[in-house]
Each structure stands twice: as structure tokens, then as C-alpha cells.
Protein backbone atom coordinates (compact mmCIF):
# COMPACT_ATOMS: atom_id res chain seq x y z
CA MET A 1 32.92 -83.22 112.26
CA SER A 2 29.44 -83.92 113.67
CA ILE A 3 28.13 -81.13 115.90
CA ARG A 4 26.80 -83.85 118.21
CA MET A 5 30.28 -84.80 119.24
CA LYS A 6 30.93 -83.44 122.72
CA PHE A 7 34.56 -82.64 122.08
CA PHE A 8 37.73 -83.71 120.47
CA ILE A 9 41.36 -82.84 120.95
CA MET A 10 43.66 -81.90 118.12
CA PHE A 11 47.41 -81.96 118.47
CA LEU A 12 49.58 -79.20 117.12
CA PHE A 13 53.30 -79.82 117.30
CA CYS A 14 55.18 -77.17 119.21
CA GLY A 15 58.79 -78.29 119.40
CA ALA A 16 59.95 -75.27 121.38
CA MET A 17 57.99 -76.59 124.36
CA VAL A 18 60.16 -79.62 124.69
CA ASN A 19 62.77 -78.55 127.18
CA ALA A 20 63.66 -79.40 130.74
CA GLN A 21 61.92 -76.41 132.30
CA GLN A 22 58.60 -77.02 130.54
CA ASN A 23 58.49 -80.74 131.27
CA GLU A 24 56.74 -79.88 134.53
CA PHE A 25 53.59 -78.88 132.61
CA PHE A 26 51.41 -79.89 129.73
CA PHE A 27 49.92 -77.13 127.58
CA GLY A 28 46.51 -76.60 126.08
CA LYS A 29 44.51 -74.08 124.11
CA VAL A 30 40.72 -73.69 124.07
CA GLU A 31 39.08 -72.68 120.80
CA ASP A 32 35.54 -72.07 119.58
CA GLY A 33 34.47 -75.22 117.74
CA ALA A 34 32.51 -73.20 115.18
CA THR A 35 34.93 -70.36 114.42
CA GLY A 36 38.35 -71.56 115.59
CA GLU A 37 38.79 -68.35 117.61
CA PRO A 38 40.43 -68.64 121.05
CA VAL A 39 38.04 -68.85 124.00
CA VAL A 40 39.38 -66.18 126.34
CA PHE A 41 39.07 -66.62 130.12
CA ALA A 42 37.54 -70.11 129.93
CA ASN A 43 37.50 -72.12 133.16
CA ILE A 44 39.88 -75.07 133.36
CA ARG A 45 39.11 -76.94 136.60
CA ILE A 46 40.56 -80.15 138.00
CA LYS A 47 37.53 -82.22 138.94
CA ASN A 48 36.99 -82.89 142.65
CA ARG A 49 40.05 -80.85 143.65
CA ALA A 50 38.56 -77.32 143.68
CA LEU A 51 41.59 -76.16 141.72
CA GLY A 52 42.06 -74.70 138.29
CA VAL A 53 43.12 -71.85 136.01
CA ILE A 54 41.59 -69.45 133.50
CA THR A 55 42.71 -69.38 129.87
CA ASN A 56 44.84 -66.49 128.61
CA ILE A 57 43.92 -63.96 125.91
CA ASP A 58 45.07 -66.47 123.29
CA GLY A 59 43.00 -69.28 124.88
CA SER A 60 46.08 -71.01 126.26
CA PHE A 61 46.68 -72.61 129.66
CA ARG A 62 49.09 -74.95 131.41
CA ILE A 63 48.54 -77.68 134.02
CA PRO A 64 51.24 -79.39 136.14
CA MET A 65 52.10 -82.87 134.91
CA LYS A 66 51.47 -84.37 138.34
CA TYR A 67 47.72 -84.17 137.77
CA LYS A 68 48.11 -86.35 134.70
CA ASP A 69 49.95 -88.90 136.84
CA TYR A 70 47.07 -88.81 139.33
CA GLY A 71 44.63 -89.74 136.56
CA ASP A 72 42.55 -86.60 137.05
CA ILE A 73 39.85 -85.15 134.81
CA LEU A 74 39.65 -81.59 133.47
CA GLU A 75 36.36 -79.71 133.49
CA VAL A 76 36.32 -77.06 130.76
CA SER A 77 33.60 -74.41 130.74
CA SER A 78 32.89 -70.91 129.52
CA MET A 79 29.81 -68.72 129.38
CA GLY A 80 27.81 -69.52 126.27
CA TYR A 81 29.49 -72.90 125.62
CA GLN A 82 28.73 -76.52 126.43
CA ASN A 83 30.70 -77.82 129.42
CA ARG A 84 33.31 -80.49 128.76
CA GLU A 85 35.05 -83.16 130.82
CA ILE A 86 38.33 -84.52 129.49
CA ALA A 87 40.62 -87.14 131.00
CA ILE A 88 44.05 -85.61 131.49
CA ALA A 89 45.55 -88.91 130.34
CA ALA A 90 44.42 -87.97 126.80
CA PHE A 91 46.79 -85.00 126.69
CA SER A 92 50.23 -85.04 125.14
CA GLN A 93 53.18 -83.69 127.05
CA MET A 94 55.14 -82.99 123.85
CA GLU A 95 52.48 -81.03 121.95
CA LEU A 96 50.03 -78.15 122.34
CA ASN A 97 46.63 -79.74 123.00
CA ILE A 98 43.73 -77.99 121.27
CA ILE A 99 40.31 -78.28 122.92
CA LEU A 100 37.27 -77.27 120.87
CA LEU A 101 34.18 -76.04 122.74
CA GLN A 102 30.80 -76.05 121.04
CA PRO A 103 28.37 -73.15 121.54
CA SER A 104 25.65 -73.87 124.08
CA THR A 105 22.47 -75.44 122.75
CA ILE A 106 20.40 -74.61 125.85
CA SER A 107 17.16 -72.94 124.83
CA LEU A 108 16.83 -69.72 126.79
CA GLN A 109 14.25 -67.77 124.84
CA GLU A 110 11.27 -69.45 126.49
CA ALA A 111 12.58 -68.47 129.91
CA VAL A 112 13.09 -64.92 128.70
CA VAL A 113 9.51 -64.53 127.54
CA LYS A 114 8.20 -65.83 130.87
CA ALA A 115 10.32 -63.41 132.95
CA LYS A 116 7.55 -61.38 134.59
CA ASP A 117 6.93 -59.37 137.72
CA LYS A 118 4.19 -60.01 140.29
CA ARG A 119 1.64 -58.21 138.11
CA GLY A 120 2.40 -60.51 135.17
CA LYS A 121 4.28 -57.90 133.17
CA ARG A 122 7.52 -58.75 131.38
CA LEU A 123 10.57 -57.47 133.25
CA SER A 124 12.43 -54.62 131.59
CA ALA A 125 16.22 -54.37 131.43
CA LYS A 126 16.14 -51.70 134.13
CA GLN A 127 14.00 -53.86 136.42
CA ILE A 128 16.29 -56.86 136.02
CA VAL A 129 19.42 -54.83 136.80
CA GLN A 130 17.74 -53.16 139.79
CA ARG A 131 16.78 -56.55 141.21
CA ALA A 132 20.34 -57.79 140.68
CA ILE A 133 21.82 -54.83 142.55
CA ASP A 134 19.29 -55.16 145.37
CA ALA A 135 20.13 -58.87 145.69
CA ILE A 136 23.92 -58.42 146.05
CA PRO A 137 23.84 -58.65 149.88
CA TYR A 138 22.06 -62.02 149.60
CA ASN A 139 23.85 -63.58 146.61
CA TYR A 140 27.42 -62.81 147.69
CA PRO A 141 29.17 -63.89 150.91
CA SER A 142 28.64 -61.75 154.00
CA VAL A 143 31.08 -63.78 156.11
CA SER A 144 34.87 -64.09 155.86
CA PHE A 145 36.33 -66.15 153.02
CA SER A 146 39.60 -66.38 151.12
CA THR A 147 40.49 -66.53 147.45
CA ILE A 148 43.81 -68.01 146.34
CA GLY A 149 44.78 -67.23 142.80
CA TYR A 150 47.24 -66.29 140.10
CA TYR A 151 47.97 -62.59 139.71
CA ARG A 152 49.90 -60.87 136.94
CA ASP A 153 50.51 -57.42 135.56
CA TYR A 154 52.23 -56.70 132.27
CA GLN A 155 52.29 -54.46 129.23
CA PHE A 156 51.48 -55.48 125.69
CA ASN A 157 53.37 -53.85 122.83
CA GLU A 158 53.18 -54.77 119.15
CA GLY A 159 51.88 -58.26 119.86
CA ALA A 160 54.39 -59.08 122.59
CA TYR A 161 54.18 -59.36 126.38
CA ILE A 162 56.67 -57.11 128.17
CA ASN A 163 57.45 -56.47 131.86
CA LEU A 164 55.53 -59.54 133.03
CA ASN A 165 55.21 -59.78 136.82
CA GLU A 166 53.36 -62.75 138.27
CA GLY A 167 52.66 -64.41 141.58
CA ILE A 168 50.29 -66.40 143.77
CA LEU A 169 48.20 -64.38 146.24
CA ASN A 170 45.72 -65.24 148.97
CA ILE A 171 43.07 -62.57 149.64
CA TYR A 172 41.20 -62.68 152.94
CA ASP A 173 37.86 -60.91 152.52
CA GLN A 174 35.60 -60.16 155.50
CA GLY A 175 32.49 -60.25 153.34
CA PHE A 176 30.49 -57.96 151.08
CA ASP A 177 29.01 -56.02 153.99
CA GLN A 178 32.53 -54.70 154.74
CA LEU A 179 34.54 -52.19 152.68
CA ASP A 180 37.04 -54.18 150.65
CA ASP A 181 39.93 -51.70 150.47
CA LYS A 182 39.79 -51.05 154.23
CA THR A 183 39.23 -54.54 155.61
CA SER A 184 40.56 -57.14 153.16
CA GLU A 185 44.13 -58.42 153.60
CA THR A 186 46.46 -60.21 151.20
CA LEU A 187 49.18 -62.78 151.81
CA MET A 188 51.74 -63.02 149.02
CA PHE A 189 52.89 -66.60 148.47
CA ASN A 190 55.16 -65.57 145.62
CA PHE A 191 55.74 -62.63 143.30
CA GLU A 192 58.49 -62.18 140.72
CA LEU A 193 59.49 -60.65 137.42
CA ASN A 194 59.46 -63.21 134.61
CA THR A 195 62.78 -62.63 132.85
CA ASP A 196 61.80 -64.88 129.93
CA PHE A 197 59.84 -61.90 128.60
CA GLU A 198 61.15 -58.61 127.21
CA GLN A 199 61.83 -55.74 129.63
CA ASP A 200 61.13 -52.05 128.93
CA SER A 201 62.24 -49.66 131.68
CA LEU A 202 60.28 -46.67 130.31
CA ALA A 203 56.99 -48.58 130.29
CA ARG A 204 57.59 -49.64 133.90
CA THR A 205 57.78 -46.07 135.26
CA ALA A 206 54.96 -44.57 137.30
CA TYR A 207 52.30 -42.37 135.69
CA ASP A 208 53.51 -38.78 135.51
CA TYR A 209 50.89 -36.10 134.85
CA ASP A 210 53.32 -33.26 135.65
CA SER A 211 55.86 -33.83 132.87
CA TYR A 212 53.50 -36.02 130.78
CA LYS A 213 56.26 -38.59 130.34
CA LYS A 214 53.74 -41.36 131.00
CA ILE A 215 50.00 -40.72 130.91
CA ILE A 216 46.65 -42.29 130.15
CA LYS A 217 45.24 -40.02 127.49
CA LYS A 218 41.78 -38.64 128.34
CA ALA A 219 41.86 -40.32 131.75
CA TYR A 220 43.58 -40.21 135.10
CA LEU A 221 44.67 -43.19 137.18
CA GLY A 222 45.89 -42.69 140.72
CA ALA A 223 49.10 -44.46 141.65
CA TYR A 224 47.72 -45.92 144.92
CA GLY A 225 51.27 -46.19 146.15
CA GLY A 226 52.27 -48.01 142.97
CA ASN A 227 50.41 -51.16 144.07
CA GLU A 228 48.98 -52.59 140.88
CA PHE A 229 46.95 -55.27 142.70
CA ARG A 230 45.20 -52.64 144.78
CA ILE A 231 44.35 -50.74 141.58
CA LEU A 232 42.85 -53.94 140.18
CA ARG A 233 40.72 -54.66 143.28
CA ILE A 234 39.30 -51.14 143.27
CA HIS A 235 38.02 -51.75 139.73
CA ASP A 236 35.79 -54.65 140.84
CA ALA A 237 32.50 -52.74 140.76
CA ILE A 238 30.52 -55.76 142.03
CA ARG A 239 32.65 -56.24 145.16
CA ASN A 240 32.67 -52.47 145.69
CA TYR A 241 29.00 -52.05 144.85
CA ASN A 242 28.37 -49.58 147.70
CA VAL A 243 31.42 -47.31 147.12
CA ALA A 244 32.71 -45.39 144.10
CA SER A 245 34.57 -47.58 141.62
CA TYR A 246 35.13 -46.04 138.17
CA ASP A 247 33.69 -43.48 135.76
CA TYR A 248 30.02 -43.85 134.82
CA ILE A 249 29.67 -47.00 136.92
CA GLY A 250 30.21 -44.71 139.90
CA THR A 251 28.72 -46.41 142.91
CA LEU A 252 27.02 -49.45 141.39
CA LYS A 253 24.29 -49.40 144.03
CA ASN A 254 23.20 -45.82 143.31
CA ASP A 255 24.62 -44.62 139.99
CA PHE A 256 24.76 -47.46 137.48
CA ILE A 257 21.14 -47.47 136.32
CA GLU A 258 20.83 -43.68 136.34
CA ASN A 259 24.03 -43.17 134.33
CA HIS A 260 23.35 -45.65 131.50
CA ASN A 261 20.86 -46.55 128.83
CA LEU A 262 19.94 -50.23 129.22
CA PHE A 263 18.32 -52.73 126.86
CA ARG A 264 17.83 -56.47 126.70
CA SER A 265 20.39 -58.37 124.62
CA LYS A 266 20.97 -62.02 123.77
CA ASP A 267 20.70 -64.19 126.86
CA SER A 268 23.31 -66.78 127.76
CA ASP A 269 24.09 -69.50 130.26
CA SER A 270 26.86 -70.50 132.65
CA ASP A 271 27.21 -74.01 134.10
CA ASN A 272 23.71 -74.78 132.80
CA GLU A 273 22.25 -71.74 134.56
CA ALA A 274 20.18 -69.41 132.36
CA LEU A 275 21.32 -65.78 132.35
CA TYR A 276 19.70 -62.54 131.26
CA GLY A 277 21.87 -60.48 128.93
CA ILE A 278 21.63 -56.70 129.40
CA LYS A 279 23.62 -54.26 127.28
CA PHE A 280 24.18 -50.68 128.35
CA TRP A 281 25.80 -47.53 126.97
CA LYS A 282 26.56 -43.91 127.75
CA ARG A 283 27.65 -41.14 125.36
CA HIS A 284 29.41 -37.90 126.13
CA LEU A 285 31.05 -35.24 123.96
CA ASN A 286 34.53 -36.64 124.69
CA TYR A 287 33.78 -40.19 125.84
CA ARG A 288 31.51 -43.11 125.25
CA ALA A 289 31.04 -46.23 127.36
CA HIS A 290 29.63 -49.62 126.38
CA GLY A 291 29.13 -52.76 128.37
CA GLU A 292 27.11 -55.87 129.09
CA ILE A 293 25.97 -57.50 132.30
CA PHE A 294 24.81 -61.12 132.71
CA ILE A 295 22.34 -61.85 135.49
CA SER A 296 20.92 -65.13 136.76
CA GLN A 297 17.32 -65.84 135.82
CA LYS A 298 17.05 -67.86 139.03
CA ASP A 299 18.03 -65.40 141.78
CA PHE A 300 19.32 -62.31 139.90
CA ALA A 301 22.97 -62.94 140.86
CA ILE A 302 25.41 -61.00 138.66
CA HIS A 303 27.68 -63.48 136.88
CA LYS A 304 29.61 -61.17 134.58
CA LEU A 305 30.18 -57.46 134.01
CA GLU A 306 31.96 -56.13 130.91
CA TYR A 307 32.71 -52.42 130.64
CA THR A 308 34.68 -50.44 128.03
CA MET A 309 35.41 -46.70 127.96
CA TYR A 310 36.30 -45.10 124.61
CA ASN A 311 37.82 -41.80 123.51
CA ASN A 312 35.01 -40.32 121.45
CA ARG A 313 37.40 -37.94 119.65
CA GLN A 314 40.01 -40.44 118.47
CA THR A 315 39.79 -43.56 116.34
CA ASN A 316 41.86 -46.68 116.83
CA LYS A 317 45.12 -47.26 114.97
CA LYS A 318 43.71 -49.85 112.59
CA ASN A 319 40.65 -47.70 111.83
CA GLU A 320 38.54 -50.84 112.20
CA LYS A 321 35.18 -51.31 113.89
CA ASN A 322 35.44 -52.69 117.43
CA LYS A 323 33.09 -55.12 119.18
CA HIS A 324 30.64 -52.28 119.84
CA GLY A 325 30.35 -51.33 116.17
CA HIS A 326 32.39 -48.11 115.98
CA LYS A 327 36.04 -47.12 115.51
CA GLN A 328 36.73 -45.15 118.68
CA LYS A 329 39.93 -45.78 120.61
CA VAL A 330 39.78 -47.76 123.86
CA ILE A 331 40.81 -45.87 127.00
CA PHE A 332 40.24 -48.82 129.33
CA ASP A 333 38.10 -51.88 129.80
CA VAL A 334 37.23 -54.11 132.74
CA LEU A 335 35.99 -57.71 132.69
CA THR A 336 34.74 -59.25 135.92
CA GLU A 337 33.23 -62.70 136.31
CA TYR A 338 31.81 -64.45 139.37
CA ARG A 339 30.88 -68.13 139.72
CA ARG A 340 28.56 -69.96 142.06
CA ILE A 341 29.99 -72.07 144.90
CA ASN A 342 27.67 -73.46 147.57
CA ASN A 343 24.93 -71.10 146.38
CA LYS A 344 27.07 -67.96 146.85
CA MET A 345 28.88 -65.98 144.18
CA TYR A 346 32.69 -65.72 144.36
CA LEU A 347 35.18 -63.97 142.10
CA ASN A 348 36.31 -66.11 139.18
CA TYR A 349 38.55 -63.53 137.49
CA ILE A 350 39.00 -59.83 136.94
CA SER A 351 40.97 -58.20 134.13
CA PHE A 352 41.61 -54.46 133.95
CA HIS A 353 43.22 -53.10 130.79
CA ASN A 354 44.10 -49.56 129.83
CA SER A 355 46.17 -47.93 127.09
CA PHE A 356 48.88 -45.42 127.99
CA GLU A 357 51.49 -43.26 126.30
CA VAL A 358 55.19 -42.93 127.06
CA ARG A 359 56.81 -39.75 125.74
CA LYS A 360 60.47 -40.13 124.92
CA PRO A 361 62.71 -37.18 123.95
CA PRO A 362 62.24 -36.04 120.33
CA LYS A 363 64.28 -37.95 117.79
CA PHE A 364 65.00 -34.68 115.97
CA SER A 365 65.64 -31.49 117.94
CA VAL A 366 67.51 -28.17 118.12
CA ASP A 367 70.86 -28.52 119.88
CA SER A 368 71.74 -24.82 120.13
CA THR A 369 71.53 -21.48 118.34
CA LEU A 370 74.17 -18.84 117.65
CA VAL A 371 73.39 -15.17 116.93
CA ASN A 372 75.82 -13.10 114.90
CA MET A 373 74.74 -9.56 115.69
CA PRO A 374 77.11 -7.65 113.35
CA ASP A 375 76.11 -9.69 110.31
CA GLY A 376 72.49 -10.12 111.35
CA PHE A 377 71.95 -13.86 111.15
CA TYR A 378 70.97 -16.81 113.31
CA THR A 379 72.63 -20.22 113.06
CA ILE A 380 70.51 -23.14 114.26
CA TYR A 381 72.33 -26.39 115.07
CA PHE A 382 70.28 -29.63 114.96
CA ASN A 383 71.10 -33.04 116.42
CA LYS A 384 70.66 -34.76 113.03
CA PRO A 385 71.09 -33.93 109.32
CA VAL A 386 68.20 -31.82 108.09
CA ASP A 387 65.81 -32.27 105.19
CA SER A 388 66.74 -29.42 102.84
CA VAL A 389 63.23 -29.02 101.37
CA SER A 390 61.55 -28.28 104.70
CA ALA A 391 64.55 -26.48 106.19
CA VAL A 392 64.85 -23.88 103.40
CA ASN A 393 61.28 -22.59 103.87
CA PRO A 394 61.40 -19.26 105.81
CA LYS A 395 57.79 -19.76 106.93
CA ASN A 396 59.04 -22.49 109.27
CA TYR A 397 60.87 -19.98 111.46
CA ASP A 398 60.04 -16.98 113.64
CA ILE A 399 62.76 -14.66 114.99
CA LYS A 400 62.34 -11.97 117.62
CA PHE A 401 64.66 -9.42 119.17
CA ASN A 402 63.59 -7.60 122.33
CA GLN A 403 60.10 -9.08 121.85
CA GLU A 404 59.75 -7.58 118.35
CA LYS A 405 59.18 -9.97 115.44
CA PHE A 406 61.26 -9.59 112.26
CA GLY A 407 61.15 -11.01 108.76
CA ILE A 408 63.61 -13.43 107.13
CA ASP A 409 65.25 -12.53 103.82
CA LYS A 410 67.30 -15.66 103.18
CA VAL A 411 67.79 -19.23 104.48
CA GLU A 412 70.99 -21.22 103.96
CA VAL A 413 70.87 -24.97 104.68
CA TYR A 414 73.92 -27.00 105.67
CA ARG A 415 74.23 -30.65 106.74
CA ASP A 416 73.01 -30.30 110.31
CA SER A 417 72.50 -26.56 110.63
CA VAL A 418 70.53 -23.68 109.11
CA ARG A 419 71.50 -20.01 108.83
CA LEU A 420 68.72 -17.41 108.89
CA TYR A 421 69.35 -13.89 107.61
CA GLY A 422 67.00 -11.25 109.00
CA ASP A 423 65.43 -8.49 106.94
CA SER A 424 66.70 -4.87 106.84
CA ASP A 425 64.75 -3.96 109.97
CA PHE A 426 66.46 -6.79 111.84
CA MET A 427 69.86 -5.59 110.64
CA GLN A 428 69.12 -2.08 111.86
CA ALA A 429 68.02 -3.43 115.25
CA MET A 430 71.33 -5.27 115.54
CA ILE A 431 73.28 -2.09 114.72
CA ASN A 432 71.37 -0.18 117.37
CA ALA A 433 71.78 -2.86 119.99
CA LYS A 434 74.46 -2.53 122.57
CA GLY A 435 76.40 -5.26 124.29
CA GLU A 436 78.38 -8.18 123.06
CA THR A 437 78.67 -8.82 119.33
CA SER A 438 77.73 -12.48 119.68
CA ALA A 439 76.10 -14.73 122.20
CA LEU A 440 75.61 -18.47 122.39
CA LEU A 441 72.01 -19.07 123.36
CA ASN A 442 71.54 -21.84 125.87
CA ARG A 443 67.84 -22.25 126.48
CA LYS A 444 68.34 -24.55 129.46
CA LYS A 445 70.54 -22.11 131.36
CA GLY A 446 68.72 -18.99 130.16
CA GLN A 447 71.70 -16.66 129.69
CA GLU A 448 70.95 -12.92 129.84
CA ALA A 449 72.09 -12.24 126.29
CA GLY A 450 69.93 -15.08 125.06
CA ALA A 451 66.89 -13.55 126.71
CA MET A 452 67.06 -10.71 124.14
CA PHE A 453 66.46 -13.17 121.29
CA GLU A 454 63.63 -15.58 120.64
CA LEU A 455 63.48 -18.26 118.00
CA ALA A 456 60.66 -20.63 117.01
CA VAL A 457 61.14 -23.57 114.65
CA GLU A 458 58.36 -25.78 113.30
CA ASN A 459 57.62 -28.13 110.40
CA VAL A 460 61.34 -28.74 109.79
CA LYS A 461 62.18 -32.41 109.33
CA ASP A 462 65.31 -34.50 109.45
CA GLN A 463 66.30 -36.74 106.55
CA LEU A 464 64.25 -39.62 108.05
CA GLY A 465 61.07 -37.54 108.17
CA ASN A 466 61.03 -36.81 111.92
CA LEU A 467 59.55 -33.40 112.81
CA VAL A 468 61.69 -31.09 114.91
CA ASN A 469 60.90 -31.20 118.64
CA ASP A 470 58.06 -33.65 118.01
CA PRO A 471 57.80 -35.99 121.06
CA ASP A 472 58.54 -39.64 120.36
CA ILE A 473 55.26 -41.09 121.65
CA HIS A 474 54.95 -44.83 122.21
CA GLU A 475 51.59 -46.41 123.01
CA TYR A 476 51.35 -49.50 125.22
CA GLN A 477 48.57 -51.63 126.64
CA GLN A 478 48.63 -52.22 130.40
CA PHE A 479 46.99 -55.29 131.94
CA ARG A 480 46.35 -56.25 135.56
CA GLU A 481 44.65 -59.61 136.06
CA PHE A 482 43.71 -61.98 138.86
CA PHE A 483 42.41 -65.52 138.30
CA ALA A 484 40.96 -67.51 141.20
CA GLN A 485 42.40 -71.00 141.63
CA ARG A 486 40.73 -71.97 144.92
CA ILE A 487 37.92 -70.51 147.03
CA LYS A 488 37.85 -71.23 150.77
CA PRO A 489 34.46 -70.24 152.23
CA ASP A 490 34.35 -69.36 155.94
CA SER A 491 38.11 -68.77 155.99
CA ARG A 492 39.46 -66.06 158.32
CA ALA A 493 42.70 -64.13 158.06
CA PRO A 494 45.38 -65.09 160.59
CA PHE A 495 45.79 -62.60 163.41
CA ASP A 496 48.57 -60.09 162.71
CA GLY A 497 49.79 -62.00 159.64
CA PRO A 498 52.60 -60.77 157.37
CA PHE A 499 50.16 -59.12 154.97
CA MET A 500 50.93 -57.13 151.85
CA ASP A 501 51.40 -53.41 152.38
CA LYS A 502 48.73 -51.87 150.11
CA LYS A 503 50.60 -48.56 149.93
CA LYS A 504 53.81 -50.06 148.55
CA PRO A 505 54.56 -51.52 145.09
CA LEU A 506 54.26 -55.29 144.93
CA PHE A 507 57.95 -55.70 144.16
CA LYS A 508 59.19 -53.44 146.98
CA ASN A 509 60.20 -55.44 150.06
CA GLN A 510 56.78 -57.05 150.48
CA PRO A 511 56.62 -60.04 152.88
CA MET A 512 56.37 -63.47 151.25
CA VAL A 513 54.80 -66.51 152.91
CA ARG A 514 54.66 -70.01 151.42
CA PRO A 515 52.12 -72.30 153.12
CA LYS A 516 52.46 -76.06 153.37
CA ASP A 517 50.16 -76.56 150.37
CA TYR A 518 52.00 -74.01 148.20
CA GLN A 519 52.90 -76.69 145.61
CA GLU A 520 49.22 -77.11 144.77
CA TYR A 521 49.16 -73.70 143.07
CA TRP A 522 50.91 -72.63 139.90
CA MET A 523 51.31 -69.61 137.65
CA ASN A 524 49.48 -69.84 134.33
CA THR A 525 52.24 -68.04 132.44
CA PRO A 526 51.30 -67.01 128.86
CA LEU A 527 52.69 -69.18 126.08
CA GLN A 528 54.24 -66.43 123.99
CA ALA A 529 57.75 -66.74 125.39
CA ILE A 530 57.63 -70.45 124.62
CA GLU A 531 56.26 -70.05 121.11
CA ASN A 532 58.87 -67.43 120.27
């Protein structure tokens, strides 16, 4: 294909899409024309309607069929790519429509070289970022406005979406000179669990740092009343530039430059506007952070902020280099993008992703122990058949009586139990002991007789290779995302409206309001459930 071609659409048959429910939409996927990789979070706008969606992590999107009937045109854009306009009439309802975007050919290097201060010196990365932060009050709205968009939260496990909640929300913001969490209000048009996707009750539970049943390793995330949308909003460091947001970003206005090393990177463009590219990083004994910020060369407006925090002491599962050139495991990352409307910057999307662990009960564990005092042996009962090789090793056990440790002379292994015979000193201690000749030790109830005996078991496996009392740890990826569909400048919140309670979970008796134009908005549900 000639690189001069503006675009073309390929058609990939996807028969599973052809059903009554999906006939309301046509489906597309945006890919890089040079590499074939999906273009994540590309803008899909319906021309002259101020409506649109953002592509999913696989580059997919869906648009209601009614816009095809209207004869509308799609505007497709993404930072670093040439903008495209495509007549919706060209799309097939029965197939997945592939749109290829070509990398931008705008020459930015000349503008970069000429970026100088009043004294004629070339601006440094630090100077550019400082000017961008100083210009936030001027580049972003200081009067009330509203953002209507598609919100979702879900987990990702082994390549599959699970626990997908989605809805349409309208956020009334009083402007960047007001504190967002205190003054902004949200109307919920709709919010529901998508039952087409797999459910996992353990992954849905709240974070628990007391029992460690569900935690973010090497990090702490407050529950904020269980309101996932509130958690997401707090992680918009640009909107919350004058209050604390997260980790080394701190308060963007005061801490960002001081906390990071900054250097100029490859510049980019968005909607034909040249952008400075600034990369930044921070290293700590236990953590490392990397990110990139894109700033307008025209008025220093921040268009995009990418930030990733890594566990500096743990590598990722695949042991592969990540986008920042090392193998450390991601703790969380945040992507925030703003776009220009009427010369002010408004949120385009925000995505907050973190990994977390759920600890299930061990697959292999000790059920109970029985002490035979006259004969001087322990019997350990397991919940599964034991591996005889690991179970017969006396080094895998410690026995104590009245806080004194004794040796083990012999180990007998049965199907799901092990008998430990103490040494001669243990036998003598049993003879000298008074009380009952046997006692069933129940560790949960802590019986008095059991308190005389202590037993430790380690490195014993079952026949499937599970270690005794080893927690069954499952790792998931948590996502919270909001994608703007329509911006309404100079829009004020209704007085005493039925707003979302920020202290309550989204699914817990929150008020729902559907305006007259509710049908203009739609949920850009991921394609995976359809493809499967």
C-alpha cells in the first residue's frame, strides 16, 4: 500500500457479532498502519455532533447504527498519528471494520530547536514543565462546565475481562480554581454490572490490609467508601494540580519538578498542534517511577500525562523488558489526556490501573494433630494426600513440649497423615508429664492440653506439588476508566440534584437520572465477550 494513501478500511469477518442484540451497533478497530498494533485510546468522534468514544485497550470501539443511517462522518485521531475522516456509510454492519492510522508526518524538530526563552536560550525540560504548571489556571476552565462520558471499572485476569461494571455519568465541575473532590458533583444516568462477562466474587471484595486477603503489594489504596469513580478522579493529577494526588507526583504544582529527573524526549502532535515531549523518572530502593508528559508548544497546555510506578524488588511474570526498558513489576499506572475545545483544555480520558493480590486459603494444609503421650508420637492429619519424599524428611518438622524443642527419631508416612516419633528425651518428657494420656490439638479453639505442645511443619508438599500452608495467591489487574463523550462548557449543576453519594459504592442504592437526550450516549463495551 502507498504511504500517501490517507486511509483504508479492511474487513475481518466476525460471525459472532451477528445477533439481535449487536445489530444496534457497528464495530471497528483502530490499528497502526505501519506495525498493525492496536491504537489504544484513539479518539472516535462523530463530526459536527460533539459526540464520540475512545478506543479500548485492543483498539476496538462501537458506534450506534443510527449514525450510519444519518449519513454521518467519523473523525479518527490519536496523538502522533494523522487525523482521518471516514464516512460511516463505508462501514459494514456484519463485520469488524479495521481502520489503519498512519504515523504523523508533521515536522516538529524545527519548532523544537527554536523553543527559546526571552534571552534567546533554548528551553530546558524543567523550564517547559514549569511553564506548563504555571499556565494551568489559564489553559483550563475556571468556570463551571460538565463532562458526560462512559465510565467502567473491571478486573483483567489471564487475558479476560471480569467483573465489568459500566455506566454513563455526567460530572459537573465548578472549574479548576475549585477543589474537585469537594465541589464537583456527579449525576448517574446509568450504571450496571455487565453479566456477559465472567464474575469473580473474591476479586470484587474490598481491599483488606488487616487479614491481607486482598492487597496491593508495595502500595496502599484507600477505599474512599468503596467508590471506584471517586478513586479515579483523585488520580487526575492535572485537575488536582494544587492538592496531593499520588506518590512522587505529590502536589503537581509544588512537588512534581522537585521529585523527578526530567529530560527532553521525542516531540509529538495532537490535532495538528505541536507538542513538547518530556520524559521523567525517579528511583528509590524499593520503587521506581517513569513517565512522560506532552505539552503544547503554543501555550504550554498539558495534553497528556503518563505515569507508571514499579516494584524495584520484583520482576514481572514474563521476565520481559517493559516500555521503560527494564523488567520490574508494575504496581500501578495512570494515563490522562486532555483535548482543546474553544481554546480551553478538557478531560478526554483517564485510565487508572493497578495490580492486586487475592489470598485464598491454602490448597494444602494441616487439618489437625493428635499427640499420643504414652507412646511418644505426633500424628499430623492433612487435607490432601501427601508427597512421601518431602513428608518423610524429619528436617521439615519441629516439635516442642512445654516450650522445649526435641528431636525426631523416625517419620512414618501414610496416605494423608504423618506420624512423628520423638527422640529419647521427648519420651522421657512424656513419662514425666502429668495429665491426660492423649489430647486432640485444635489450634483454632486453643485447648489447654494443646497449649503444652507446639508443632511446626514446612516444605511438605501434597501429591500435586502444593506446599503446606502456602497461601493460594492470585494476581489480578484492576482498571478504572472514564472516557468523555460530550463536553458542555459553561454548564452548571442543577440545584439540589440527585447526585451520586461519593462515600458509597457506585452499585449501592445510588440515584439514577436519565435526561431527555439519554439515547445520544452509549457504553463502549469491550469486544471480548463478543469475540469469545
